Amino acid sequence: MGFRKQLLGGGQTGTREWEEQVAQDFAEVTGSPIEEARAFVRVSVEAAKTDARKEGTENFPPNYGDLLLEKERSNPRLKNELAKIRQEGVTDEDIRRYWSMNDLERRVLEKFYQGILYATWKMAREAGLSSKQAAVFARKYHPYYGNPDDTRVTTGDDRPLPIELMMREDAWFDKQRSGNPSQLKQRLEEHSSYNALIRAEIRAGRI
């Protein structure tokens, strides 16, 4: 939600300078103390690298999104998985762009969206909301990504969005925020969650 450009615009991925810029941006977006933001960045980057090694994605080629779409033609399981997210509005271009990102950037970006949700939840808890109320509050104003079939926490249009929608959602948010922020706020209030608004926008063809 408008954070991707900041995260990926801070220099060469994985360098100390990049990590510092990311920490500065995260602190600004979430209102976190800079030392807390730096600690979060270090943990996020190390966790992303560990996950990449375990899953063997460290050396994914820069056209991995294209390769996935090609593989879909001969892989029934992958074809079924992609068909599910296409029902949620994901396009081939979404798949291509997301999965062709630098692997570390992609993983860190995912963790930052989680971090923003957590920071908002924590703020709501400190304001006196219950744990459940704080979670609802966080999802009201921020995207919640994951498996759309996962209905353990949310249902209907509040369900997790496919992560492949991230770049399109991010661009949409930037446009809304710079164009008419008061209208964006009003529309958020009219929907049960940020995800519900995004799904409504997709159905209306505005995303």
N, C-alpha and C. Protein backbone atom coordinates (compact mmCIF):
# COMPACT_ATOMS: atom_id res chain seq x y z
N MET A 1 0.82 -1.19 0.00
CA MET A 1 0.00 0.00 0.00
C MET A 1 0.86 1.25 0.00
N GLY A 2 1.47 1.51 -1.13
CA GLY A 2 2.29 2.68 -1.26
C GLY A 2 3.67 2.57 -0.64
N PHE A 3 4.05 1.39 -0.21
CA PHE A 3 5.33 1.23 0.47
C PHE A 3 6.39 0.64 -0.44
N ARG A 4 5.98 -0.01 -1.50
CA ARG A 4 6.93 -0.74 -2.33
C ARG A 4 7.99 0.16 -2.94
N LYS A 5 7.60 1.32 -3.43
CA LYS A 5 8.58 2.22 -4.06
C LYS A 5 9.64 2.66 -3.06
N GLN A 6 9.21 2.89 -1.83
CA GLN A 6 10.18 3.28 -0.81
C GLN A 6 11.14 2.14 -0.52
N LEU A 7 10.60 0.95 -0.37
CA LEU A 7 11.43 -0.19 -0.01
C LEU A 7 12.43 -0.54 -1.09
N LEU A 8 12.01 -0.48 -2.34
CA LEU A 8 12.88 -0.93 -3.41
C LEU A 8 13.68 0.21 -4.04
N GLY A 9 13.53 1.41 -3.49
CA GLY A 9 14.21 2.54 -4.11
C GLY A 9 15.43 3.01 -3.35
N GLY A 10 15.93 2.19 -2.44
CA GLY A 10 16.99 2.65 -1.55
C GLY A 10 18.37 2.14 -1.87
N GLY A 11 18.66 1.76 -3.09
CA GLY A 11 20.01 1.32 -3.42
C GLY A 11 20.08 -0.16 -3.72
N GLN A 12 21.32 -0.67 -3.82
CA GLN A 12 21.53 -2.05 -4.19
C GLN A 12 21.03 -2.98 -3.09
N THR A 13 20.22 -3.93 -3.49
CA THR A 13 19.59 -4.85 -2.55
C THR A 13 20.62 -5.61 -1.72
N GLY A 14 20.37 -5.67 -0.41
CA GLY A 14 21.20 -6.47 0.48
C GLY A 14 22.38 -5.75 1.09
N THR A 15 22.68 -4.53 0.64
CA THR A 15 23.81 -3.78 1.21
C THR A 15 23.38 -3.11 2.52
N ARG A 16 24.36 -2.69 3.30
CA ARG A 16 24.05 -1.99 4.56
C ARG A 16 23.32 -0.68 4.28
N GLU A 17 23.70 -0.02 3.20
CA GLU A 17 23.04 1.24 2.84
C GLU A 17 21.57 0.99 2.52
N TRP A 18 21.32 -0.10 1.80
CA TRP A 18 19.94 -0.46 1.46
C TRP A 18 19.15 -0.77 2.72
N GLU A 19 19.74 -1.54 3.63
CA GLU A 19 19.05 -1.89 4.87
C GLU A 19 18.74 -0.65 5.70
N GLU A 20 19.68 0.30 5.73
CA GLU A 20 19.46 1.53 6.49
C GLU A 20 18.32 2.34 5.89
N GLN A 21 18.28 2.43 4.56
CA GLN A 21 17.21 3.18 3.91
C GLN A 21 15.86 2.52 4.17
N VAL A 22 15.85 1.20 4.10
CA VAL A 22 14.62 0.46 4.37
C VAL A 22 14.16 0.72 5.81
N ALA A 23 15.09 0.71 6.74
CA ALA A 23 14.75 0.96 8.15
C ALA A 23 14.18 2.37 8.32
N GLN A 24 14.79 3.35 7.67
CA GLN A 24 14.29 4.72 7.75
C GLN A 24 12.87 4.81 7.20
N ASP A 25 12.64 4.16 6.08
CA ASP A 25 11.31 4.19 5.47
C ASP A 25 10.28 3.48 6.34
N PHE A 26 10.68 2.34 6.91
CA PHE A 26 9.76 1.59 7.76
C PHE A 26 9.39 2.40 9.00
N ALA A 27 10.37 3.06 9.58
CA ALA A 27 10.12 3.90 10.75
C ALA A 27 9.14 5.02 10.42
N GLU A 28 9.31 5.60 9.23
CA GLU A 28 8.43 6.70 8.82
C GLU A 28 7.00 6.20 8.59
N VAL A 29 6.87 5.07 7.92
CA VAL A 29 5.54 4.54 7.59
C VAL A 29 4.79 4.08 8.83
N THR A 30 5.49 3.44 9.76
CA THR A 30 4.83 2.84 10.92
C THR A 30 4.88 3.70 12.18
N GLY A 31 5.73 4.71 12.19
CA GLY A 31 5.88 5.51 13.39
C GLY A 31 6.74 4.83 14.45
N SER A 32 7.47 3.79 14.05
CA SER A 32 8.32 3.06 14.99
C SER A 32 9.61 3.83 15.27
N PRO A 33 10.19 3.68 16.46
CA PRO A 33 11.51 4.26 16.74
C PRO A 33 12.53 3.68 15.77
N ILE A 34 13.51 4.46 15.37
CA ILE A 34 14.45 4.02 14.34
C ILE A 34 15.23 2.79 14.76
N GLU A 35 15.61 2.68 16.04
CA GLU A 35 16.35 1.50 16.48
C GLU A 35 15.48 0.25 16.38
N GLU A 36 14.21 0.40 16.69
CA GLU A 36 13.28 -0.73 16.56
C GLU A 36 13.12 -1.11 15.10
N ALA A 37 13.06 -0.11 14.23
CA ALA A 37 12.94 -0.37 12.79
C ALA A 37 14.18 -1.07 12.26
N ARG A 38 15.36 -0.63 12.70
CA ARG A 38 16.60 -1.27 12.26
C ARG A 38 16.66 -2.72 12.70
N ALA A 39 16.23 -2.99 13.92
CA ALA A 39 16.23 -4.36 14.42
C ALA A 39 15.28 -5.22 13.60
N PHE A 40 14.13 -4.66 13.26
CA PHE A 40 13.16 -5.40 12.45
C PHE A 40 13.71 -5.71 11.07
N VAL A 41 14.41 -4.73 10.50
CA VAL A 41 15.01 -4.93 9.18
C VAL A 41 16.03 -6.06 9.22
N ARG A 42 16.91 -6.03 10.21
CA ARG A 42 17.94 -7.08 10.31
C ARG A 42 17.31 -8.46 10.42
N VAL A 43 16.32 -8.58 11.27
CA VAL A 43 15.64 -9.87 11.45
C VAL A 43 14.94 -10.28 10.16
N SER A 44 14.28 -9.34 9.50
CA SER A 44 13.54 -9.64 8.28
C SER A 44 14.47 -10.10 7.16
N VAL A 45 15.58 -9.41 7.00
CA VAL A 45 16.53 -9.76 5.93
C VAL A 45 17.14 -11.14 6.19
N GLU A 46 17.55 -11.40 7.42
CA GLU A 46 18.13 -12.70 7.74
C GLU A 46 17.11 -13.82 7.57
N ALA A 47 15.88 -13.57 8.00
CA ALA A 47 14.83 -14.58 7.85
C ALA A 47 14.54 -14.83 6.37
N ALA A 48 14.55 -13.77 5.57
CA ALA A 48 14.31 -13.90 4.14
C ALA A 48 15.41 -14.73 3.48
N LYS A 49 16.66 -14.48 3.87
CA LYS A 49 17.78 -15.24 3.31
C LYS A 49 17.70 -16.71 3.72
N THR A 50 17.34 -16.96 4.97
CA THR A 50 17.22 -18.34 5.46
C THR A 50 16.12 -19.07 4.71
N ASP A 51 14.97 -18.41 4.54
CA ASP A 51 13.85 -19.02 3.81
C ASP A 51 14.24 -19.32 2.37
N ALA A 52 14.98 -18.39 1.76
CA ALA A 52 15.39 -18.57 0.37
C ALA A 52 16.31 -19.78 0.22
N ARG A 53 17.24 -19.93 1.18
CA ARG A 53 18.15 -21.09 1.13
C ARG A 53 17.37 -22.40 1.30
N LYS A 54 16.45 -22.41 2.23
CA LYS A 54 15.66 -23.62 2.49
C LYS A 54 14.82 -24.01 1.28
N GLU A 55 14.26 -23.01 0.63
CA GLU A 55 13.35 -23.26 -0.49
C GLU A 55 14.05 -23.25 -1.84
N GLY A 56 15.35 -22.98 -1.84
CA GLY A 56 16.12 -23.03 -3.07
C GLY A 56 15.77 -21.95 -4.08
N THR A 57 15.40 -20.76 -3.60
CA THR A 57 14.99 -19.69 -4.51
C THR A 57 16.05 -18.60 -4.68
N GLU A 58 17.20 -18.77 -4.04
CA GLU A 58 18.24 -17.73 -4.05
C GLU A 58 18.64 -17.31 -5.46
N ASN A 59 18.69 -18.27 -6.36
CA ASN A 59 19.20 -17.99 -7.70
C ASN A 59 18.10 -18.04 -8.77
N PHE A 60 16.88 -17.69 -8.37
CA PHE A 60 15.81 -17.61 -9.36
C PHE A 60 16.22 -16.61 -10.44
N PRO A 61 16.00 -16.93 -11.72
CA PRO A 61 16.34 -16.00 -12.80
C PRO A 61 15.41 -14.79 -12.79
N PRO A 62 15.85 -13.68 -13.38
CA PRO A 62 15.03 -12.46 -13.39
C PRO A 62 13.76 -12.57 -14.23
N ASN A 63 13.62 -13.66 -14.99
CA ASN A 63 12.39 -13.88 -15.77
C ASN A 63 11.60 -15.05 -15.21
N TYR A 64 11.72 -15.29 -13.90
CA TYR A 64 11.07 -16.46 -13.31
C TYR A 64 9.55 -16.42 -13.50
N GLY A 65 8.97 -15.23 -13.51
CA GLY A 65 7.53 -15.13 -13.74
C GLY A 65 7.13 -15.68 -15.09
N ASP A 66 7.92 -15.38 -16.12
CA ASP A 66 7.65 -15.92 -17.45
C ASP A 66 7.79 -17.44 -17.46
N LEU A 67 8.80 -17.93 -16.75
CA LEU A 67 9.02 -19.38 -16.70
C LEU A 67 7.86 -20.09 -16.01
N LEU A 68 7.29 -19.46 -14.99
CA LEU A 68 6.13 -20.05 -14.31
C LEU A 68 4.95 -20.19 -15.27
N LEU A 69 4.71 -19.14 -16.05
CA LEU A 69 3.59 -19.17 -16.99
C LEU A 69 3.81 -20.22 -18.07
N GLU A 70 5.06 -20.42 -18.46
CA GLU A 70 5.36 -21.47 -19.44
C GLU A 70 5.16 -22.85 -18.83
N LYS A 71 5.62 -23.00 -17.59
CA LYS A 71 5.51 -24.28 -16.89
C LYS A 71 4.06 -24.67 -16.65
N GLU A 72 3.21 -23.68 -16.51
CA GLU A 72 1.79 -23.93 -16.26
C GLU A 72 1.17 -24.81 -17.35
N ARG A 73 1.65 -24.67 -18.56
CA ARG A 73 1.07 -25.41 -19.69
C ARG A 73 1.21 -26.92 -19.55
N SER A 74 2.27 -27.36 -18.85
CA SER A 74 2.54 -28.80 -18.74
C SER A 74 2.47 -29.32 -17.31
N ASN A 75 2.08 -28.47 -16.38
CA ASN A 75 2.03 -28.87 -14.97
C ASN A 75 0.61 -28.67 -14.44
N PRO A 76 -0.18 -29.74 -14.35
CA PRO A 76 -1.58 -29.63 -13.91
C PRO A 76 -1.74 -29.01 -12.53
N ARG A 77 -0.83 -29.34 -11.61
CA ARG A 77 -0.94 -28.80 -10.25
C ARG A 77 -0.74 -27.29 -10.26
N LEU A 78 0.28 -26.82 -10.97
CA LEU A 78 0.53 -25.38 -11.07
C LEU A 78 -0.63 -24.70 -11.78
N LYS A 79 -1.13 -25.34 -12.81
CA LYS A 79 -2.27 -24.78 -13.56
C LYS A 79 -3.46 -24.57 -12.64
N ASN A 80 -3.70 -25.52 -11.76
CA ASN A 80 -4.82 -25.42 -10.82
C ASN A 80 -4.59 -24.29 -9.81
N GLU A 81 -3.35 -24.17 -9.32
CA GLU A 81 -3.02 -23.12 -8.35
C GLU A 81 -3.19 -21.73 -8.97
N LEU A 82 -2.72 -21.57 -10.19
CA LEU A 82 -2.83 -20.27 -10.85
C LEU A 82 -4.28 -19.96 -11.22
N ALA A 83 -5.05 -21.00 -11.54
CA ALA A 83 -6.47 -20.79 -11.85
C ALA A 83 -7.21 -20.22 -10.64
N LYS A 84 -6.84 -20.69 -9.45
CA LYS A 84 -7.49 -20.21 -8.23
C LYS A 84 -7.23 -18.72 -8.00
N ILE A 85 -5.99 -18.30 -8.18
CA ILE A 85 -5.71 -16.89 -7.92
C ILE A 85 -6.24 -16.00 -9.04
N ARG A 86 -6.38 -16.55 -10.23
CA ARG A 86 -6.97 -15.76 -11.32
C ARG A 86 -8.44 -15.45 -11.01
N GLN A 87 -9.09 -16.35 -10.29
CA GLN A 87 -10.47 -16.10 -9.88
C GLN A 87 -10.56 -14.92 -8.92
N GLU A 88 -9.43 -14.58 -8.31
CA GLU A 88 -9.37 -13.45 -7.39
C GLU A 88 -8.95 -12.16 -8.10
N GLY A 89 -8.81 -12.23 -9.41
CA GLY A 89 -8.45 -11.04 -10.17
C GLY A 89 -7.01 -10.95 -10.61
N VAL A 90 -6.20 -11.95 -10.26
CA VAL A 90 -4.78 -11.94 -10.65
C VAL A 90 -4.65 -12.17 -12.16
N THR A 91 -3.81 -11.40 -12.82
CA THR A 91 -3.58 -11.54 -14.25
C THR A 91 -2.21 -12.15 -14.51
N ASP A 92 -1.98 -12.55 -15.75
CA ASP A 92 -0.66 -13.06 -16.11
C ASP A 92 0.43 -12.02 -15.85
N GLU A 93 0.11 -10.75 -16.09
CA GLU A 93 1.09 -9.70 -15.86
C GLU A 93 1.42 -9.57 -14.37
N ASP A 94 0.40 -9.76 -13.51
CA ASP A 94 0.66 -9.75 -12.07
C ASP A 94 1.63 -10.86 -11.69
N ILE A 95 1.38 -12.05 -12.22
CA ILE A 95 2.24 -13.21 -11.94
C ILE A 95 3.65 -12.95 -12.45
N ARG A 96 3.72 -12.44 -13.65
CA ARG A 96 5.03 -12.18 -14.28
C ARG A 96 5.83 -11.15 -13.47
N ARG A 97 5.21 -10.07 -13.11
CA ARG A 97 5.92 -9.00 -12.40
C ARG A 97 6.33 -9.42 -10.99
N TYR A 98 5.42 -10.04 -10.28
CA TYR A 98 5.72 -10.40 -8.89
C TYR A 98 6.83 -11.44 -8.81
N TRP A 99 6.70 -12.52 -9.59
CA TRP A 99 7.67 -13.61 -9.50
C TRP A 99 8.97 -13.34 -10.24
N SER A 100 9.04 -12.23 -10.96
CA SER A 100 10.31 -11.84 -11.59
C SER A 100 11.07 -10.82 -10.76
N MET A 101 10.54 -10.46 -9.60
CA MET A 101 11.26 -9.57 -8.69
C MET A 101 12.50 -10.26 -8.15
N ASN A 102 13.47 -9.46 -7.73
CA ASN A 102 14.61 -9.99 -7.00
C ASN A 102 14.08 -10.77 -5.80
N ASP A 103 14.58 -11.97 -5.57
CA ASP A 103 14.03 -12.85 -4.54
C ASP A 103 14.10 -12.24 -3.14
N LEU A 104 15.23 -11.60 -2.81
CA LEU A 104 15.36 -11.00 -1.49
C LEU A 104 14.39 -9.83 -1.33
N GLU A 105 14.28 -9.00 -2.35
CA GLU A 105 13.35 -7.88 -2.30
C GLU A 105 11.92 -8.38 -2.10
N ARG A 106 11.58 -9.41 -2.85
CA ARG A 106 10.22 -9.96 -2.77
C ARG A 106 9.92 -10.47 -1.37
N ARG A 107 10.84 -11.20 -0.81
CA ARG A 107 10.62 -11.78 0.52
C ARG A 107 10.60 -10.71 1.61
N VAL A 108 11.51 -9.75 1.51
CA VAL A 108 11.53 -8.68 2.51
C VAL A 108 10.26 -7.84 2.41
N LEU A 109 9.80 -7.60 1.19
CA LEU A 109 8.58 -6.82 1.01
C LEU A 109 7.39 -7.51 1.67
N GLU A 110 7.31 -8.83 1.52
CA GLU A 110 6.24 -9.58 2.18
C GLU A 110 6.31 -9.40 3.69
N LYS A 111 7.51 -9.48 4.23
CA LYS A 111 7.67 -9.35 5.68
C LYS A 111 7.34 -7.93 6.15
N PHE A 112 7.58 -6.96 5.28
CA PHE A 112 7.26 -5.60 5.67
C PHE A 112 5.76 -5.35 5.71
N TYR A 113 5.03 -5.95 4.81
CA TYR A 113 3.58 -5.82 4.89
C TYR A 113 3.08 -6.45 6.19
N GLN A 114 3.67 -7.58 6.55
CA GLN A 114 3.31 -8.21 7.82
C GLN A 114 3.69 -7.30 8.99
N GLY A 115 4.86 -6.67 8.87
CA GLY A 115 5.32 -5.77 9.92
C GLY A 115 4.43 -4.55 10.09
N ILE A 116 3.93 -4.02 8.99
CA ILE A 116 3.03 -2.88 9.05
C ILE A 116 1.72 -3.27 9.73
N LEU A 117 1.21 -4.46 9.40
CA LEU A 117 0.01 -4.95 10.07
C LEU A 117 0.24 -5.08 11.57
N TYR A 118 1.39 -5.65 11.92
CA TYR A 118 1.70 -5.84 13.35
C TYR A 118 1.84 -4.51 14.06
N ALA A 119 2.52 -3.55 13.45
CA ALA A 119 2.71 -2.24 14.07
C ALA A 119 1.36 -1.56 14.31
N THR A 120 0.44 -1.70 13.36
CA THR A 120 -0.88 -1.11 13.51
C THR A 120 -1.67 -1.82 14.61
N TRP A 121 -1.56 -3.15 14.63
CA TRP A 121 -2.22 -3.94 15.68
C TRP A 121 -1.70 -3.51 17.06
N LYS A 122 -0.39 -3.37 17.17
CA LYS A 122 0.22 -2.99 18.44
C LYS A 122 -0.25 -1.61 18.89
N MET A 123 -0.34 -0.68 17.96
CA MET A 123 -0.81 0.67 18.27
C MET A 123 -2.25 0.63 18.78
N ALA A 124 -3.08 -0.20 18.12
CA ALA A 124 -4.48 -0.31 18.53
C ALA A 124 -4.61 -0.94 19.91
N ARG A 125 -3.75 -1.91 20.18
CA ARG A 125 -3.76 -2.54 21.50
C ARG A 125 -3.39 -1.53 22.58
N GLU A 126 -2.39 -0.72 22.30
CA GLU A 126 -1.95 0.30 23.26
C GLU A 126 -3.02 1.36 23.48
N ALA A 127 -3.92 1.50 22.49
CA ALA A 127 -5.02 2.46 22.61
C ALA A 127 -6.21 1.88 23.37
N GLY A 128 -6.11 0.59 23.74
CA GLY A 128 -7.15 -0.01 24.57
C GLY A 128 -8.03 -1.04 23.90
N LEU A 129 -7.80 -1.32 22.61
CA LEU A 129 -8.60 -2.33 21.93
C LEU A 129 -8.17 -3.73 22.36
N SER A 130 -9.10 -4.67 22.28
CA SER A 130 -8.76 -6.05 22.57
C SER A 130 -7.91 -6.59 21.43
N SER A 131 -7.32 -7.75 21.62
CA SER A 131 -6.47 -8.33 20.58
C SER A 131 -7.26 -8.54 19.29
N LYS A 132 -8.48 -9.04 19.41
CA LYS A 132 -9.31 -9.29 18.23
C LYS A 132 -9.72 -7.98 17.57
N GLN A 133 -10.12 -7.00 18.37
CA GLN A 133 -10.51 -5.71 17.83
C GLN A 133 -9.34 -5.03 17.12
N ALA A 134 -8.16 -5.16 17.69
CA ALA A 134 -6.97 -4.55 17.09
C ALA A 134 -6.64 -5.19 15.75
N ALA A 135 -6.84 -6.50 15.64
CA ALA A 135 -6.59 -7.20 14.37
C ALA A 135 -7.57 -6.74 13.30
N VAL A 136 -8.83 -6.58 13.69
CA VAL A 136 -9.84 -6.08 12.75
C VAL A 136 -9.48 -4.66 12.31
N PHE A 137 -9.03 -3.85 13.24
CA PHE A 137 -8.63 -2.47 12.94
C PHE A 137 -7.47 -2.45 11.95
N ALA A 138 -6.46 -3.28 12.17
CA ALA A 138 -5.30 -3.32 11.27
C ALA A 138 -5.71 -3.72 9.86
N ARG A 139 -6.59 -4.72 9.76
CA ARG A 139 -7.02 -5.19 8.43
C ARG A 139 -7.98 -4.20 7.77
N LYS A 140 -8.50 -3.28 8.54
CA LYS A 140 -9.39 -2.25 7.99
C LYS A 140 -8.61 -1.27 7.11
N TYR A 141 -7.36 -1.03 7.47
CA TYR A 141 -6.59 0.01 6.80
C TYR A 141 -5.35 -0.48 6.05
N HIS A 142 -5.10 -1.77 6.09
CA HIS A 142 -3.92 -2.31 5.40
C HIS A 142 -4.26 -3.63 4.71
N PRO A 143 -3.58 -3.92 3.59
CA PRO A 143 -3.83 -5.19 2.90
C PRO A 143 -3.36 -6.38 3.72
N TYR A 144 -4.08 -7.45 3.57
CA TYR A 144 -3.81 -8.70 4.30
C TYR A 144 -3.62 -9.78 3.25
N TYR A 145 -2.37 -10.18 3.02
CA TYR A 145 -2.05 -11.13 1.96
C TYR A 145 -1.90 -12.55 2.50
N GLY A 146 -2.18 -13.51 1.62
CA GLY A 146 -2.06 -14.91 2.00
C GLY A 146 -2.84 -15.79 1.05
N ASN A 147 -3.25 -16.94 1.53
CA ASN A 147 -4.03 -17.88 0.73
C ASN A 147 -5.50 -17.51 0.80
N PRO A 148 -6.13 -17.14 -0.32
CA PRO A 148 -7.54 -16.75 -0.29
C PRO A 148 -8.47 -17.86 0.20
N ASP A 149 -8.00 -19.10 0.14
CA ASP A 149 -8.82 -20.22 0.63
C ASP A 149 -8.77 -20.35 2.15
N ASP A 150 -7.90 -19.59 2.79
CA ASP A 150 -7.75 -19.66 4.24
C ASP A 150 -8.84 -18.82 4.91
N THR A 151 -9.82 -19.48 5.51
CA THR A 151 -10.93 -18.77 6.15
C THR A 151 -10.90 -18.94 7.67
N ARG A 152 -9.73 -19.24 8.21
CA ARG A 152 -9.63 -19.42 9.66
C ARG A 152 -9.81 -18.10 10.41
N VAL A 153 -9.39 -17.01 9.81
CA VAL A 153 -9.46 -15.70 10.47
C VAL A 153 -10.51 -14.80 9.83
N THR A 154 -10.56 -14.80 8.50
CA THR A 154 -11.48 -13.94 7.78
C THR A 154 -12.27 -14.74 6.75
N THR A 155 -13.42 -14.21 6.35
CA THR A 155 -14.26 -14.87 5.36
C THR A 155 -14.74 -13.85 4.34
N GLY A 156 -15.40 -14.35 3.29
CA GLY A 156 -15.95 -13.45 2.29
C GLY A 156 -14.90 -12.55 1.66
N ASP A 157 -15.26 -11.30 1.44
CA ASP A 157 -14.33 -10.36 0.81
C ASP A 157 -13.19 -9.94 1.74
N ASP A 158 -13.29 -10.30 3.02
CA ASP A 158 -12.21 -9.97 3.96
C ASP A 158 -11.07 -10.99 3.90
N ARG A 159 -11.26 -12.07 3.16
CA ARG A 159 -10.23 -13.11 3.07
C ARG A 159 -8.90 -12.54 2.57
N PRO A 160 -7.80 -13.28 2.82
CA PRO A 160 -6.49 -12.81 2.32
C PRO A 160 -6.50 -12.60 0.81
N LEU A 161 -5.75 -11.63 0.37
CA LEU A 161 -5.56 -11.39 -1.06
C LEU A 161 -4.36 -12.19 -1.55
N PRO A 162 -4.39 -12.67 -2.80
CA PRO A 162 -3.20 -13.32 -3.36
C PRO A 162 -2.04 -12.31 -3.38
N ILE A 163 -0.87 -12.75 -2.98
CA ILE A 163 0.28 -11.85 -2.91
C ILE A 163 0.64 -11.28 -4.27
N GLU A 164 0.25 -11.98 -5.35
CA GLU A 164 0.56 -11.51 -6.69
C GLU A 164 -0.15 -10.19 -7.03
N LEU A 165 -1.17 -9.82 -6.26
CA LEU A 165 -1.87 -8.55 -6.50
C LEU A 165 -1.13 -7.36 -5.90
N MET A 166 -0.07 -7.63 -5.18
CA MET A 166 0.60 -6.60 -4.40
C MET A 166 1.00 -5.37 -5.20
N MET A 167 1.63 -5.55 -6.35
CA MET A 167 2.13 -4.41 -7.11
C MET A 167 0.98 -3.56 -7.64
N ARG A 168 -0.09 -4.23 -8.10
CA ARG A 168 -1.23 -3.49 -8.64
C ARG A 168 -1.96 -2.73 -7.52
N GLU A 169 -2.08 -3.39 -6.39
CA GLU A 169 -2.71 -2.73 -5.23
C GLU A 169 -1.89 -1.52 -4.81
N ASP A 170 -0.56 -1.69 -4.80
CA ASP A 170 0.34 -0.62 -4.38
C ASP A 170 0.21 0.59 -5.28
N ALA A 171 0.14 0.35 -6.59
CA ALA A 171 0.01 1.45 -7.55
C ALA A 171 -1.34 2.14 -7.39
N TRP A 172 -2.39 1.35 -7.16
CA TRP A 172 -3.73 1.90 -6.96
C TRP A 172 -3.75 2.78 -5.72
N PHE A 173 -3.15 2.31 -4.63
CA PHE A 173 -3.14 3.08 -3.39
C PHE A 173 -2.43 4.41 -3.57
N ASP A 174 -1.28 4.39 -4.23
CA ASP A 174 -0.54 5.63 -4.48
C ASP A 174 -1.39 6.63 -5.26
N LYS A 175 -2.11 6.12 -6.25
CA LYS A 175 -2.96 6.99 -7.08
C LYS A 175 -4.09 7.59 -6.25
N GLN A 176 -4.73 6.76 -5.42
CA GLN A 176 -5.84 7.25 -4.59
C GLN A 176 -5.36 8.26 -3.56
N ARG A 177 -4.23 7.97 -2.95
CA ARG A 177 -3.71 8.84 -1.89
C ARG A 177 -3.30 10.20 -2.44
N SER A 178 -2.72 10.21 -3.63
CA SER A 178 -2.27 11.47 -4.22
C SER A 178 -3.41 12.23 -4.88
N GLY A 179 -4.47 11.50 -5.28
CA GLY A 179 -5.58 12.14 -5.97
C GLY A 179 -6.63 12.71 -5.05
N ASN A 180 -7.23 11.84 -4.22
CA ASN A 180 -8.31 12.28 -3.33
C ASN A 180 -8.25 11.47 -2.04
N PRO A 181 -7.34 11.81 -1.14
CA PRO A 181 -7.18 11.03 0.09
C PRO A 181 -8.42 10.99 0.97
N SER A 182 -9.21 12.08 0.97
CA SER A 182 -10.42 12.09 1.80
C SER A 182 -11.45 11.09 1.27
N GLN A 183 -11.53 10.96 -0.05
CA GLN A 183 -12.44 9.98 -0.63
C GLN A 183 -11.97 8.56 -0.33
N LEU A 184 -10.65 8.35 -0.36
CA LEU A 184 -10.11 7.04 -0.02
C LEU A 184 -10.48 6.67 1.41
N LYS A 185 -10.33 7.61 2.32
CA LYS A 185 -10.68 7.36 3.72
C LYS A 185 -12.15 7.02 3.86
N GLN A 186 -13.00 7.76 3.14
CA GLN A 186 -14.44 7.50 3.20
C GLN A 186 -14.77 6.10 2.68
N ARG A 187 -14.14 5.72 1.59
CA ARG A 187 -14.41 4.41 1.01
C ARG A 187 -13.93 3.29 1.92
N LEU A 188 -12.81 3.51 2.60
CA LEU A 188 -12.34 2.52 3.57
C LEU A 188 -13.35 2.35 4.69
N GLU A 189 -13.95 3.45 5.12
CA GLU A 189 -14.94 3.37 6.19
C GLU A 189 -16.19 2.63 5.75
N GLU A 190 -16.47 2.65 4.45
CA GLU A 190 -17.67 2.02 3.92
C GLU A 190 -17.52 0.51 3.75
N HIS A 191 -16.30 0.01 3.85
CA HIS A 191 -16.06 -1.42 3.65
C HIS A 191 -15.58 -2.07 4.94
N SER A 192 -15.82 -3.36 5.04
CA SER A 192 -15.48 -4.08 6.27
C SER A 192 -13.98 -4.23 6.47
N SER A 193 -13.22 -4.14 5.39
CA SER A 193 -11.76 -4.26 5.48
C SER A 193 -11.13 -3.65 4.23
N TYR A 194 -9.83 -3.45 4.30
CA TYR A 194 -9.08 -2.97 3.13
C TYR A 194 -9.22 -3.97 1.99
N ASN A 195 -9.14 -5.26 2.32
CA ASN A 195 -9.26 -6.29 1.29
C ASN A 195 -10.62 -6.26 0.61
N ALA A 196 -11.67 -5.97 1.38
CA ALA A 196 -13.01 -5.90 0.81
C ALA A 196 -13.08 -4.76 -0.20
N LEU A 197 -12.45 -3.64 0.12
CA LEU A 197 -12.42 -2.51 -0.82
C LEU A 197 -11.64 -2.89 -2.08
N ILE A 198 -10.51 -3.54 -1.92
CA ILE A 198 -9.72 -3.94 -3.09
C ILE A 198 -10.51 -4.88 -3.98
N ARG A 199 -11.20 -5.83 -3.39
CA ARG A 199 -12.01 -6.76 -4.20
C ARG A 199 -13.13 -6.03 -4.93
N ALA A 200 -13.73 -5.04 -4.27
CA ALA A 200 -14.78 -4.24 -4.92
C ALA A 200 -14.20 -3.46 -6.10
N GLU A 201 -13.01 -2.92 -5.93
CA GLU A 201 -12.36 -2.17 -7.00
C GLU A 201 -11.98 -3.07 -8.17
N ILE A 202 -11.55 -4.28 -7.87
CA ILE A 202 -11.22 -5.23 -8.94
C ILE A 202 -12.47 -5.59 -9.73
N ARG A 203 -13.56 -5.87 -9.02
CA ARG A 203 -14.81 -6.22 -9.71
C ARG A 203 -15.32 -5.06 -10.57
N ALA A 204 -15.06 -3.84 -10.13
CA ALA A 204 -15.51 -2.66 -10.88
C ALA A 204 -14.55 -2.29 -12.01
N GLY A 205 -13.43 -3.02 -12.09
CA GLY A 205 -12.45 -2.76 -13.15
C GLY A 205 -11.59 -1.54 -12.92
N ARG A 206 -11.51 -1.08 -11.66
CA ARG A 206 -10.71 0.11 -11.36
C ARG A 206 -9.30 -0.22 -10.87
N ILE A 207 -9.05 -1.51 -10.67
CA ILE A 207 -7.69 -1.95 -10.34
C ILE A 207 -7.26 -2.95 -11.39
